[in-house]
């Protein structure tokens, strides 16, 4: 089941607060930026980097996933994921669930096993 409109707005506000705290300085955002998206249909929040394509046309950008959380309504928690080199999402074992989006962002920031930011 998808997030309702009120939930989506609430999560977007939390995500916006995280992004504003963790984005690089404005002078380097053309080379590296960090953003988040809320996907109401899949009940997920994803953090990703945006960078210029290394070997591509000028102005082309690429998104590199950092972390993802998916809300499990029946269990009232968020599942925390990281993406391996095979481009598949895996449960983040040191802290597989979070009770809130704020806790998810704290797990990503702490990054015990260097899975999110290397």
PDB file of N, CA and C in Angstrom:
ATOM      1  N   UNK A   1       0.833  -1.175   0.000  1.00  0.00           N
ATOM      2  CA  UNK A   1       0.000   0.000   0.000  1.00  0.00           C
ATOM      3  C   UNK A   1       0.885   1.249   0.000  1.00  0.00           C
ATOM      4  N   UNK A   2       0.523   2.229  -0.780  1.00  0.00           N
ATOM      5  CA  UNK A   2       1.300   3.459  -0.920  1.00  0.00           C
ATOM      6  C   UNK A   2       1.080   4.399   0.267  1.00  0.00           C
ATOM      7  N   UNK A   3       2.033   5.323   0.459  1.00  0.00           N
ATOM      8  CA  UNK A   3       1.855   6.370   1.458  1.00  0.00           C
ATOM      9  C   UNK A   3       0.673   7.233   1.051  1.00  0.00           C
ATOM     10  N   UNK A   4      -0.090   7.693   2.042  1.00  0.00           N
ATOM     11  CA  UNK A   4      -1.134   8.660   1.712  1.00  0.00           C
ATOM     12  C   UNK A   4      -0.502  10.039   1.568  1.00  0.00           C
ATOM     13  N   UNK A   5      -1.272  11.015   1.173  1.00  0.00           N
ATOM     14  CA  UNK A   5      -0.753  12.351   0.892  1.00  0.00           C
ATOM     15  C   UNK A   5      -0.130  13.001   2.127  1.00  0.00           C
ATOM     16  N   UNK A   6      -0.751  12.831   3.281  1.00  0.00           N
ATOM     17  CA  UNK A   6      -0.234  13.420   4.518  1.00  0.00           C
ATOM     18  C   UNK A   6       1.105  12.798   4.902  1.00  0.00           C
ATOM     19  N   UNK A   7       1.200  11.466   4.805  1.00  0.00           N
ATOM     20  CA  UNK A   7       2.463  10.782   5.105  1.00  0.00           C
ATOM     21  C   UNK A   7       3.563  11.227   4.150  1.00  0.00           C
ATOM     22  N   UNK A   8       3.232  11.311   2.876  1.00  0.00           N
ATOM     23  CA  UNK A   8       4.218  11.718   1.870  1.00  0.00           C
ATOM     24  C   UNK A   8       4.767  13.099   2.187  1.00  0.00           C
ATOM     25  N   UNK A   9       3.907  14.049   2.495  1.00  0.00           N
ATOM     26  CA  UNK A   9       4.346  15.413   2.824  1.00  0.00           C
ATOM     27  C   UNK A   9       5.222  15.413   4.079  1.00  0.00           C
ATOM     28  N   UNK A  10       4.822  14.638   5.085  1.00  0.00           N
ATOM     29  CA  UNK A  10       5.598  14.561   6.330  1.00  0.00           C
ATOM     30  C   UNK A  10       6.998  14.009   6.064  1.00  0.00           C
ATOM     31  N   UNK A  11       7.080  12.932   5.300  1.00  0.00           N
ATOM     32  CA  UNK A  11       8.380  12.324   4.996  1.00  0.00           C
ATOM     33  C   UNK A  11       9.224  13.229   4.116  1.00  0.00           C
ATOM     34  N   UNK A  12       8.611  13.924   3.178  1.00  0.00           N
ATOM     35  CA  UNK A  12       9.350  14.861   2.328  1.00  0.00           C
ATOM     36  C   UNK A  12       9.971  15.981   3.158  1.00  0.00           C
ATOM     37  N   UNK A  13       9.275  16.433   4.194  1.00  0.00           N
ATOM     38  CA  UNK A  13       9.797  17.481   5.069  1.00  0.00           C
ATOM     39  C   UNK A  13      11.011  16.973   5.851  1.00  0.00           C
ATOM     40  N   UNK A  14      10.928  15.751   6.362  1.00  0.00           N
ATOM     41  CA  UNK A  14      12.051  15.152   7.097  1.00  0.00           C
ATOM     42  C   UNK A  14      13.249  14.984   6.165  1.00  0.00           C
ATOM     43  N   UNK A  15      12.992  14.486   4.959  1.00  0.00           N
ATOM     44  CA  UNK A  15      14.042  14.272   3.962  1.00  0.00           C
ATOM     45  C   UNK A  15      14.698  15.600   3.588  1.00  0.00           C
ATOM     46  N   UNK A  16      13.904  16.629   3.394  1.00  0.00           N
ATOM     47  CA  UNK A  16      14.427  17.943   3.037  1.00  0.00           C
ATOM     48  C   UNK A  16      15.368  18.455   4.132  1.00  0.00           C
ATOM     49  N   UNK A  17      15.013  18.229   5.388  1.00  0.00           N
ATOM     50  CA  UNK A  17      15.884  18.641   6.496  1.00  0.00           C
ATOM     51  C   UNK A  17      17.219  17.922   6.459  1.00  0.00           C
ATOM     52  N   UNK A  18      17.194  16.616   6.169  1.00  0.00           N
ATOM     53  CA  UNK A  18      18.431  15.844   6.063  1.00  0.00           C
ATOM     54  C   UNK A  18      19.307  16.370   4.922  1.00  0.00           C
ATOM     55  N   UNK A  19      18.690  16.582   3.774  1.00  0.00           N
ATOM     56  CA  UNK A  19      19.436  17.038   2.600  1.00  0.00           C
ATOM     57  C   UNK A  19      20.096  18.384   2.876  1.00  0.00           C
ATOM     58  N   UNK A  20      19.370  19.300   3.459  1.00  0.00           N
ATOM     59  CA  UNK A  20      19.924  20.631   3.716  1.00  0.00           C
ATOM     60  C   UNK A  20      21.119  20.577   4.664  1.00  0.00           C
ATOM     61  N   UNK A  21      21.117  19.650   5.604  1.00  0.00           N
ATOM     62  CA  UNK A  21      22.236  19.509   6.539  1.00  0.00           C
ATOM     63  C   UNK A  21      23.452  18.845   5.904  1.00  0.00           C
ATOM     64  N   UNK A  22      23.242  17.964   4.933  1.00  0.00           N
ATOM     65  CA  UNK A  22      24.328  17.123   4.439  1.00  0.00           C
ATOM     66  C   UNK A  22      24.796  17.403   3.014  1.00  0.00           C
ATOM     67  N   UNK A  23      24.171  18.329   2.342  1.00  0.00           N
ATOM     68  CA  UNK A  23      24.621  18.670   0.985  1.00  0.00           C
ATOM     69  C   UNK A  23      25.983  19.334   1.048  1.00  0.00           C
ATOM     70  N   UNK A  24      26.792  19.133   0.025  1.00  0.00           N
ATOM     71  CA  UNK A  24      28.077  19.829  -0.032  1.00  0.00           C
ATOM     72  C   UNK A  24      27.865  21.334  -0.203  1.00  0.00           C
ATOM     73  N   UNK A  25      28.913  22.125  -0.025  1.00  0.00           N
ATOM     74  CA  UNK A  25      28.789  23.576  -0.217  1.00  0.00           C
ATOM     75  C   UNK A  25      28.332  23.901  -1.640  1.00  0.00           C
ATOM     76  N   UNK A  26      27.610  24.995  -1.815  1.00  0.00           N
ATOM     77  CA  UNK A  26      27.078  25.351  -3.139  1.00  0.00           C
ATOM     78  C   UNK A  26      28.123  25.420  -4.252  1.00  0.00           C
ATOM     79  N   UNK A  27      29.349  25.802  -3.925  1.00  0.00           N
ATOM     80  CA  UNK A  27      30.361  25.956  -4.971  1.00  0.00           C
ATOM     81  C   UNK A  27      30.823  24.630  -5.579  1.00  0.00           C
ATOM     82  N   UNK A  28      30.540  23.478  -4.951  1.00  0.00           N
ATOM     83  CA  UNK A  28      30.946  22.197  -5.555  1.00  0.00           C
ATOM     84  C   UNK A  28      29.762  21.329  -5.968  1.00  0.00           C
ATOM     85  N   UNK A  29      28.561  21.823  -5.818  1.00  0.00           N
ATOM     86  CA  UNK A  29      27.374  21.015  -6.143  1.00  0.00           C
ATOM     87  C   UNK A  29      27.278  20.646  -7.618  1.00  0.00           C
ATOM     88  N   UNK A  30      27.931  21.364  -8.481  1.00  0.00           N
ATOM     89  CA  UNK A  30      27.930  20.988  -9.898  1.00  0.00           C
ATOM     90  C   UNK A  30      28.747  19.718 -10.120  1.00  0.00           C
ATOM     91  N   UNK A  31      29.697  19.459  -9.230  1.00  0.00           N
ATOM     92  CA  UNK A  31      30.553  18.270  -9.331  1.00  0.00           C
ATOM     93  C   UNK A  31      30.089  17.128  -8.436  1.00  0.00           C
ATOM     94  N   UNK A  32      29.439  17.447  -7.332  1.00  0.00           N
ATOM     95  CA  UNK A  32      28.948  16.439  -6.390  1.00  0.00           C
ATOM     96  C   UNK A  32      27.806  17.033  -5.591  1.00  0.00           C
ATOM     97  N   UNK A  33      26.694  16.319  -5.575  1.00  0.00           N
ATOM     98  CA  UNK A  33      25.553  16.754  -4.780  1.00  0.00           C
ATOM     99  C   UNK A  33      24.905  15.528  -4.158  1.00  0.00           C
ATOM    100  N   UNK A  34      24.232  15.717  -3.055  1.00  0.00           N
ATOM    101  CA  UNK A  34      23.511  14.635  -2.385  1.00  0.00           C
ATOM    102  C   UNK A  34      22.050  15.034  -2.296  1.00  0.00           C
ATOM    103  N   UNK A  35      21.186  14.139  -2.747  1.00  0.00           N
ATOM    104  CA  UNK A  35      19.744  14.380  -2.715  1.00  0.00           C
ATOM    105  C   UNK A  35      19.030  13.133  -2.211  1.00  0.00           C
ATOM    106  N   UNK A  36      17.753  13.292  -1.922  1.00  0.00           N
ATOM    107  CA  UNK A  36      16.904  12.176  -1.498  1.00  0.00           C
ATOM    108  C   UNK A  36      15.611  12.240  -2.273  1.00  0.00           C
ATOM    109  N   UNK A  37      14.973  11.083  -2.402  1.00  0.00           N
ATOM    110  CA  UNK A  37      13.641  11.057  -3.003  1.00  0.00           C
ATOM    111  C   UNK A  37      12.739  10.173  -2.154  1.00  0.00           C
ATOM    112  N   UNK A  38      11.476  10.573  -2.116  1.00  0.00           N
ATOM    113  CA  UNK A  38      10.439   9.785  -1.449  1.00  0.00           C
ATOM    114  C   UNK A  38       9.586   9.163  -2.538  1.00  0.00           C
ATOM    115  N   UNK A  39       9.479   7.848  -2.528  1.00  0.00           N
ATOM    116  CA  UNK A  39       8.641   7.130  -3.488  1.00  0.00           C
ATOM    117  C   UNK A  39       7.413   6.613  -2.737  1.00  0.00           C
ATOM    118  N   UNK A  40       6.308   7.319  -2.886  1.00  0.00           N
ATOM    119  CA  UNK A  40       5.089   6.973  -2.151  1.00  0.00           C
ATOM    120  C   UNK A  40       4.560   5.587  -2.532  1.00  0.00           C
ATOM    121  N   UNK A  41       4.709   5.203  -3.790  1.00  0.00           N
ATOM    122  CA  UNK A  41       4.190   3.900  -4.250  1.00  0.00           C
ATOM    123  C   UNK A  41       4.907   2.731  -3.587  1.00  0.00           C
ATOM    124  N   UNK A  42       6.230   2.776  -3.531  1.00  0.00           N
ATOM    125  CA  UNK A  42       6.986   1.668  -2.946  1.00  0.00           C
ATOM    126  C   UNK A  42       7.278   1.889  -1.464  1.00  0.00           C
ATOM    127  N   UNK A  43       6.786   2.978  -0.904  1.00  0.00           N
ATOM    128  CA  UNK A  43       6.981   3.338   0.497  1.00  0.00           C
ATOM    129  C   UNK A  43       8.460   3.365   0.857  1.00  0.00           C
ATOM    130  N   UNK A  44       9.244   4.002   0.008  1.00  0.00           N
ATOM    131  CA  UNK A  44      10.692   4.044   0.191  1.00  0.00           C
ATOM    132  C   UNK A  44      11.234   5.461   0.157  1.00  0.00           C
ATOM    133  N   UNK A  45      12.379   5.610   0.810  1.00  0.00           N
ATOM    134  CA  UNK A  45      13.168   6.835   0.764  1.00  0.00           C
ATOM    135  C   UNK A  45      14.562   6.426   0.321  1.00  0.00           C
ATOM    136  N   UNK A  46      15.122   7.124  -0.656  1.00  0.00           N
ATOM    137  CA  UNK A  46      16.446   6.792  -1.168  1.00  0.00           C
ATOM    138  C   UNK A  46      17.353   8.014  -1.128  1.00  0.00           C
ATOM    139  N   UNK A  47      18.578   7.817  -0.644  1.00  0.00           N
ATOM    140  CA  UNK A  47      19.605   8.848  -0.651  1.00  0.00           C
ATOM    141  C   UNK A  47      20.536   8.519  -1.815  1.00  0.00           C
ATOM    142  N   UNK A  48      20.894   9.532  -2.599  1.00  0.00           N
ATOM    143  CA  UNK A  48      21.778   9.278  -3.732  1.00  0.00           C
ATOM    144  C   UNK A  48      22.662  10.487  -4.016  1.00  0.00           C
ATOM    145  N   UNK A  49      23.809  10.205  -4.654  1.00  0.00           N
ATOM    146  CA  UNK A  49      24.721  11.251  -5.116  1.00  0.00           C
ATOM    147  C   UNK A  49      24.413  11.563  -6.565  1.00  0.00           C
ATOM    148  N   UNK A  50      24.646  12.803  -6.951  1.00  0.00           N
ATOM    149  CA  UNK A  50      24.570  13.196  -8.355  1.00  0.00           C
ATOM    150  C   UNK A  50      25.949  13.729  -8.732  1.00  0.00           C
ATOM    151  N   UNK A  51      26.504  13.161  -9.807  1.00  0.00           N
ATOM    152  CA  UNK A  51      27.820  13.551 -10.292  1.00  0.00           C
ATOM    153  C   UNK A  51      27.784  13.652 -11.807  1.00  0.00           C
ATOM    154  N   UNK A  52      28.718  14.414 -12.386  1.00  0.00           N
ATOM    155  CA  UNK A  52      28.826  14.409 -13.849  1.00  0.00           C
ATOM    156  C   UNK A  52      29.272  13.024 -14.324  1.00  0.00           C
ATOM    157  N   UNK A  53      28.811  12.643 -15.500  1.00  0.00           N
ATOM    158  CA  UNK A  53      29.234  11.381 -16.094  1.00  0.00           C
ATOM    159  C   UNK A  53      30.711  11.508 -16.434  1.00  0.00           C
ATOM    160  N   UNK A  54      31.488  10.495 -16.080  1.00  0.00           N
ATOM    161  CA  UNK A  54      32.934  10.557 -16.265  1.00  0.00           C
ATOM    162  C   UNK A  54      33.320  10.647 -17.736  1.00  0.00           C
ATOM    163  N   UNK A  55      32.727   9.786 -18.536  1.00  0.00           N
ATOM    164  CA  UNK A  55      33.021   9.783 -19.970  1.00  0.00           C
ATOM    165  C   UNK A  55      31.713   9.957 -20.717  1.00  0.00           C
ATOM    166  N   UNK A  56      31.277  11.153 -20.805  1.00  0.00           N
ATOM    167  CA  UNK A  56      30.020  11.397 -21.487  1.00  0.00           C
ATOM    168  C   UNK A  56      29.962  12.817 -22.009  1.00  0.00           C
ATOM    169  N   UNK A  57      28.806  13.148 -22.511  1.00  0.00           N
ATOM    170  CA  UNK A  57      28.601  14.497 -23.024  1.00  0.00           C
ATOM    171  C   UNK A  57      28.615  15.488 -21.868  1.00  0.00           C
ATOM    172  N   UNK A  58      29.083  16.685 -22.168  1.00  0.00           N
ATOM    173  CA  UNK A  58      29.098  17.738 -21.158  1.00  0.00           C
ATOM    174  C   UNK A  58      27.684  17.970 -20.651  1.00  0.00           C
ATOM    175  N   UNK A  59      27.546  18.079 -19.357  1.00  0.00           N
ATOM    176  CA  UNK A  59      26.244  18.322 -18.754  1.00  0.00           C
ATOM    177  C   UNK A  59      25.487  17.072 -18.352  1.00  0.00           C
ATOM    178  N   UNK A  60      25.942  15.907 -18.800  1.00  0.00           N
ATOM    179  CA  UNK A  60      25.262  14.663 -18.394  1.00  0.00           C
ATOM    180  C   UNK A  60      25.580  14.370 -16.936  1.00  0.00           C
ATOM    181  N   UNK A  61      24.577  13.914 -16.211  1.00  0.00           N
ATOM    182  CA  UNK A  61      24.734  13.583 -14.795  1.00  0.00           C
ATOM    183  C   UNK A  61      24.351  12.124 -14.574  1.00  0.00           C
ATOM    184  N   UNK A  62      24.866  11.559 -13.489  1.00  0.00           N
ATOM    185  CA  UNK A  62      24.508  10.199 -13.109  1.00  0.00           C
ATOM    186  C   UNK A  62      24.141  10.176 -11.630  1.00  0.00           C
ATOM    187  N   UNK A  63      23.254   9.278 -11.276  1.00  0.00           N
ATOM    188  CA  UNK A  63      22.858   9.098  -9.881  1.00  0.00           C
ATOM    189  C   UNK A  63      23.521   7.843  -9.343  1.00  0.00           C
ATOM    190  N   UNK A  64      24.141   7.967  -8.172  1.00  0.00           N
ATOM    191  CA  UNK A  64      24.778   6.842  -7.507  1.00  0.00           C
ATOM    192  C   UNK A  64      24.084   6.617  -6.165  1.00  0.00           C
ATOM    193  N   UNK A  65      23.353   5.514  -6.016  1.00  0.00           N
ATOM    194  CA  UNK A  65      22.627   5.261  -4.774  1.00  0.00           C
ATOM    195  C   UNK A  65      23.561   5.127  -3.568  1.00  0.00           C
ATOM    196  N   UNK A  66      23.114   5.631  -2.441  1.00  0.00           N
ATOM    197  CA  UNK A  66      23.867   5.543  -1.187  1.00  0.00           C
ATOM    198  C   UNK A  66      23.157   4.616  -0.215  1.00  0.00           C
ATOM    199  N   UNK A  67      21.878   4.891   0.032  1.00  0.00           N
ATOM    200  CA  UNK A  67      21.118   4.116   1.011  1.00  0.00           C
ATOM    201  C   UNK A  67      19.637   4.188   0.676  1.00  0.00           C
ATOM    202  N   UNK A  68      18.900   3.204   1.192  1.00  0.00           N
ATOM    203  CA  UNK A  68      17.457   3.180   0.970  1.00  0.00           C
ATOM    204  C   UNK A  68      16.773   2.630   2.217  1.00  0.00           C
ATOM    205  N   UNK A  69      15.611   3.181   2.516  1.00  0.00           N
ATOM    206  CA  UNK A  69      14.779   2.669   3.606  1.00  0.00           C
ATOM    207  C   UNK A  69      13.378   2.435   3.053  1.00  0.00           C
ATOM    208  N   UNK A  70      12.820   1.295   3.390  1.00  0.00           N
ATOM    209  CA  UNK A  70      11.466   0.961   2.953  1.00  0.00           C
ATOM    210  C   UNK A  70      10.604   0.744   4.188  1.00  0.00           C
ATOM    211  N   UNK A  71       9.447   1.419   4.215  1.00  0.00           N
ATOM    212  CA  UNK A  71       8.552   1.327   5.369  1.00  0.00           C
ATOM    213  C   UNK A  71       7.725   0.055   5.301  1.00  0.00           C
ATOM    214  N   UNK A  72       7.739  -0.697   6.396  1.00  0.00           N
ATOM    215  CA  UNK A  72       6.935  -1.912   6.527  1.00  0.00           C
ATOM    216  C   UNK A  72       5.804  -1.584   7.500  1.00  0.00           C
ATOM    217  N   UNK A  73       4.647  -1.267   6.948  1.00  0.00           N
ATOM    218  CA  UNK A  73       3.532  -0.772   7.755  1.00  0.00           C
ATOM    219  C   UNK A  73       3.065  -1.790   8.800  1.00  0.00           C
ATOM    220  N   UNK A  74       3.010  -3.072   8.422  1.00  0.00           N
ATOM    221  CA  UNK A  74       2.516  -4.104   9.346  1.00  0.00           C
ATOM    222  C   UNK A  74       3.419  -4.263  10.571  1.00  0.00           C
ATOM    223  N   UNK A  75       4.699  -3.896  10.437  1.00  0.00           N
ATOM    224  CA  UNK A  75       5.641  -4.025  11.548  1.00  0.00           C
ATOM    225  C   UNK A  75       6.048  -2.666  12.123  1.00  0.00           C
ATOM    226  N   UNK A  76       5.534  -1.599  11.506  1.00  0.00           N
ATOM    227  CA  UNK A  76       5.770  -0.230  11.959  1.00  0.00           C
ATOM    228  C   UNK A  76       7.259   0.101  12.105  1.00  0.00           C
ATOM    229  N   UNK A  77       8.045  -0.250  11.082  1.00  0.00           N
ATOM    230  CA  UNK A  77       9.449   0.134  11.057  1.00  0.00           C
ATOM    231  C   UNK A  77       9.942   0.265   9.618  1.00  0.00           C
ATOM    232  N   UNK A  78      11.132   0.817   9.490  1.00  0.00           N
ATOM    233  CA  UNK A  78      11.787   0.998   8.196  1.00  0.00           C
ATOM    234  C   UNK A  78      12.885  -0.036   8.059  1.00  0.00           C
ATOM    235  N   UNK A  79      12.959  -0.716   6.933  1.00  0.00           N
ATOM    236  CA  UNK A  79      14.059  -1.628   6.635  1.00  0.00           C
ATOM    237  C   UNK A  79      15.160  -0.818   5.971  1.00  0.00           C
ATOM    238  N   UNK A  80      16.391  -1.010   6.424  1.00  0.00           N
ATOM    239  CA  UNK A  80      17.534  -0.244   5.946  1.00  0.00           C
ATOM    240  C   UNK A  80      18.320  -1.089   4.941  1.00  0.00           C
ATOM    241  N   UNK A  81      18.653  -0.491   3.790  1.00  0.00           N
ATOM    242  CA  UNK A  81      19.362  -1.204   2.733  1.00  0.00           C
ATOM    243  C   UNK A  81      20.585  -0.429   2.264  1.00  0.00           C
ATOM    244  N   UNK A  82      21.557  -1.159   1.738  1.00  0.00           N
ATOM    245  CA  UNK A  82      22.716  -0.576   1.062  1.00  0.00           C
ATOM    246  C   UNK A  82      22.894  -1.312  -0.245  1.00  0.00           C
ATOM    247  N   UNK A  83      23.559  -0.667  -1.203  1.00  0.00           N
ATOM    248  CA  UNK A  83      23.698  -1.271  -2.523  1.00  0.00           C
ATOM    249  C   UNK A  83      25.128  -1.747  -2.738  1.00  0.00           C
ATOM    250  N   UNK A  84      25.253  -3.020  -3.098  1.00  0.00           N
ATOM    251  CA  UNK A  84      26.571  -3.609  -3.370  1.00  0.00           C
ATOM    252  C   UNK A  84      26.975  -3.341  -4.816  1.00  0.00           C
ATOM    253  N   UNK A  85      28.175  -3.771  -5.171  1.00  0.00           N
ATOM    254  CA  UNK A  85      28.712  -3.554  -6.522  1.00  0.00           C
ATOM    255  C   UNK A  85      27.879  -4.247  -7.595  1.00  0.00           C
ATOM    256  N   UNK A  86      27.101  -5.273  -7.221  1.00  0.00           N
ATOM    257  CA  UNK A  86      26.247  -5.954  -8.207  1.00  0.00           C
ATOM    258  C   UNK A  86      24.943  -5.193  -8.461  1.00  0.00           C
ATOM    259  N   UNK A  87      24.816  -3.994  -7.866  1.00  0.00           N
ATOM    260  CA  UNK A  87      23.675  -3.092  -8.023  1.00  0.00           C
ATOM    261  C   UNK A  87      22.380  -3.630  -7.431  1.00  0.00           C
ATOM    262  N   UNK A  88      22.481  -4.565  -6.503  1.00  0.00           N
ATOM    263  CA  UNK A  88      21.316  -5.080  -5.785  1.00  0.00           C
ATOM    264  C   UNK A  88      21.329  -4.509  -4.374  1.00  0.00           C
ATOM    265  N   UNK A  89      20.119  -4.317  -3.840  1.00  0.00           N
ATOM    266  CA  UNK A  89      19.979  -3.790  -2.482  1.00  0.00           C
ATOM    267  C   UNK A  89      20.039  -4.937  -1.481  1.00  0.00           C
ATOM    268  N   UNK A  90      20.812  -4.732  -0.401  1.00  0.00           N
ATOM    269  CA  UNK A  90      20.967  -5.723   0.652  1.00  0.00           C
ATOM    270  C   UNK A  90      20.642  -5.091   1.998  1.00  0.00           C
ATOM    271  N   UNK A  91      20.114  -5.911   2.885  1.00  0.00           N
ATOM    272  CA  UNK A  91      19.824  -5.448   4.231  1.00  0.00           C
ATOM    273  C   UNK A  91      21.127  -5.020   4.909  1.00  0.00           C
ATOM    274  N   UNK A  92      21.083  -3.924   5.612  1.00  0.00           N
ATOM    275  CA  UNK A  92      22.261  -3.426   6.323  1.00  0.00           C
ATOM    276  C   UNK A  92      22.296  -4.105   7.680  1.00  0.00           C
ATOM    277  N   UNK A  93      23.054  -5.183   7.776  1.00  0.00           N
ATOM    278  CA  UNK A  93      23.024  -6.062   8.945  1.00  0.00           C
ATOM    279  C   UNK A  93      23.372  -5.430  10.292  1.00  0.00           C
ATOM    280  N   UNK A  94      24.285  -4.498  10.393  1.00  0.00           N
ATOM    281  CA  UNK A  94      24.516  -3.952  11.736  1.00  0.00           C
ATOM    282  C   UNK A  94      23.281  -3.263  12.311  1.00  0.00           C
ATOM    283  N   UNK A  95      22.413  -2.781  11.428  1.00  0.00           N
ATOM    284  CA  UNK A  95      21.209  -2.069  11.885  1.00  0.00           C
ATOM    285  C   UNK A  95      20.151  -2.241  10.790  1.00  0.00           C
ATOM    286  N   UNK A  96      19.527  -3.406  10.746  1.00  0.00           N
ATOM    287  CA  UNK A  96      18.634  -3.768   9.638  1.00  0.00           C
ATOM    288  C   UNK A  96      17.305  -3.008   9.629  1.00  0.00           C
ATOM    289  N   UNK A  97      16.890  -2.480  10.783  1.00  0.00           N
ATOM    290  CA  UNK A  97      15.629  -1.736  10.834  1.00  0.00           C
ATOM    291  C   UNK A  97      15.814  -0.444  11.624  1.00  0.00           C
ATOM    292  N   UNK A  98      14.899   0.473  11.371  1.00  0.00           N
ATOM    293  CA  UNK A  98      14.871   1.742  12.097  1.00  0.00           C
ATOM    294  C   UNK A  98      13.423   2.043  12.446  1.00  0.00           C
ATOM    295  N   UNK A  99      13.207   2.637  13.590  1.00  0.00           N
ATOM    296  CA  UNK A  99      11.841   2.944  14.029  1.00  0.00           C
ATOM    297  C   UNK A  99      11.291   4.210  13.382  1.00  0.00           C
ATOM    298  N   UNK A 100      12.192   5.053  12.845  1.00  0.00           N
ATOM    299  CA  UNK A 100      11.754   6.306  12.230  1.00  0.00           C
ATOM    300  C   UNK A 100      12.732   6.686  11.122  1.00  0.00           C
ATOM    301  N   UNK A 101      12.332   7.645  10.311  1.00  0.00           N
ATOM    302  CA  UNK A 101      13.237   8.147   9.276  1.00  0.00           C
ATOM    303  C   UNK A 101      14.451   8.824   9.898  1.00  0.00           C
ATOM    304  N   UNK A 102      14.244   9.509  10.993  1.00  0.00           N
ATOM    305  CA  UNK A 102      15.366  10.154  11.675  1.00  0.00           C
ATOM    306  C   UNK A 102      16.393   9.117  12.128  1.00  0.00           C
ATOM    307  N   UNK A 103      15.924   7.985  12.625  1.00  0.00           N
ATOM    308  CA  UNK A 103      16.841   6.912  13.030  1.00  0.00           C
ATOM    309  C   UNK A 103      17.565   6.337  11.808  1.00  0.00           C
ATOM    310  N   UNK A 104      16.859   6.189  10.693  1.00  0.00           N
ATOM    311  CA  UNK A 104      17.490   5.732   9.458  1.00  0.00           C
ATOM    312  C   UNK A 104      18.621   6.666   9.060  1.00  0.00           C
ATOM    313  N   UNK A 105      18.373   7.975   9.069  1.00  0.00           N
ATOM    314  CA  UNK A 105      19.406   8.936   8.705  1.00  0.00           C
ATOM    315  C   UNK A 105      20.582   8.885   9.680  1.00  0.00           C
ATOM    316  N   UNK A 106      20.317   8.631  10.962  1.00  0.00           N
ATOM    317  CA  UNK A 106      21.400   8.493  11.945  1.00  0.00           C
ATOM    318  C   UNK A 106      22.249   7.260  11.651  1.00  0.00           C
ATOM    319  N   UNK A 107      21.615   6.167  11.242  1.00  0.00           N
ATOM    320  CA  UNK A 107      22.348   4.946  10.882  1.00  0.00           C
ATOM    321  C   UNK A 107      23.241   5.215   9.677  1.00  0.00           C
ATOM    322  N   UNK A 108      22.712   5.903   8.683  1.00  0.00           N
ATOM    323  CA  UNK A 108      23.493   6.214   7.483  1.00  0.00           C
ATOM    324  C   UNK A 108      24.673   7.114   7.847  1.00  0.00           C
ATOM    325  N   UNK A 109      24.445   8.079   8.685  1.00  0.00           N
ATOM    326  CA  UNK A 109      25.515   8.993   9.081  1.00  0.00           C
ATOM    327  C   UNK A 109      26.614   8.255   9.854  1.00  0.00           C
ATOM    328  N   UNK A 110      26.223   7.365  10.762  1.00  0.00           N
ATOM    329  CA  UNK A 110      27.201   6.614  11.560  1.00  0.00           C
ATOM    330  C   UNK A 110      27.973   5.631  10.681  1.00  0.00           C
ATOM    331  N   UNK A 111      27.285   4.927   9.800  1.00  0.00           N
ATOM    332  CA  UNK A 111      27.890   4.035   8.798  1.00  0.00           C
ATOM    333  C   UNK A 111      28.960   3.118   9.401  1.00  0.00           C
ATOM    334  N   UNK A 112      28.572   2.289  10.360  1.00  0.00           N
ATOM    335  CA  UNK A 112      29.486   1.415  11.085  1.00  0.00           C
ATOM    336  C   UNK A 112      30.404   0.590  10.186  1.00  0.00           C
ATOM    337  N   UNK A 113      29.903   0.063   9.089  1.00  0.00           N
ATOM    338  CA  UNK A 113      30.684  -0.823   8.226  1.00  0.00           C
ATOM    339  C   UNK A 113      31.138  -0.146   6.932  1.00  0.00           C
ATOM    340  N   UNK A 114      31.037   1.155   6.848  1.00  0.00           N
ATOM    341  CA  UNK A 114      31.446   1.925   5.670  1.00  0.00           C
ATOM    342  C   UNK A 114      30.769   1.418   4.395  1.00  0.00           C
ATOM    343  N   UNK A 115      29.502   1.093   4.485  1.00  0.00           N
ATOM    344  CA  UNK A 115      28.756   0.608   3.323  1.00  0.00           C
ATOM    345  C   UNK A 115      28.100   1.743   2.536  1.00  0.00           C
ATOM    346  N   UNK A 116      27.782   2.838   3.188  1.00  0.00           N
ATOM    347  CA  UNK A 116      27.057   3.906   2.526  1.00  0.00           C
ATOM    348  C   UNK A 116      27.984   4.903   1.838  1.00  0.00           C
ATOM    349  N   UNK A 117      28.931   5.416   2.577  1.00  0.00           N
ATOM    350  CA  UNK A 117      29.824   6.429   2.010  1.00  0.00           C
ATOM    351  C   UNK A 117      31.252   5.920   1.806  1.00  0.00           C
ATOM    352  N   UNK A 118      31.456   4.632   2.036  1.00  0.00           N
ATOM    353  CA  UNK A 118      32.771   4.028   1.776  1.00  0.00           C
ATOM    354  C   UNK A 118      33.745   4.350   2.763  1.00  0.00           C
TER     355      UNK A 118
END
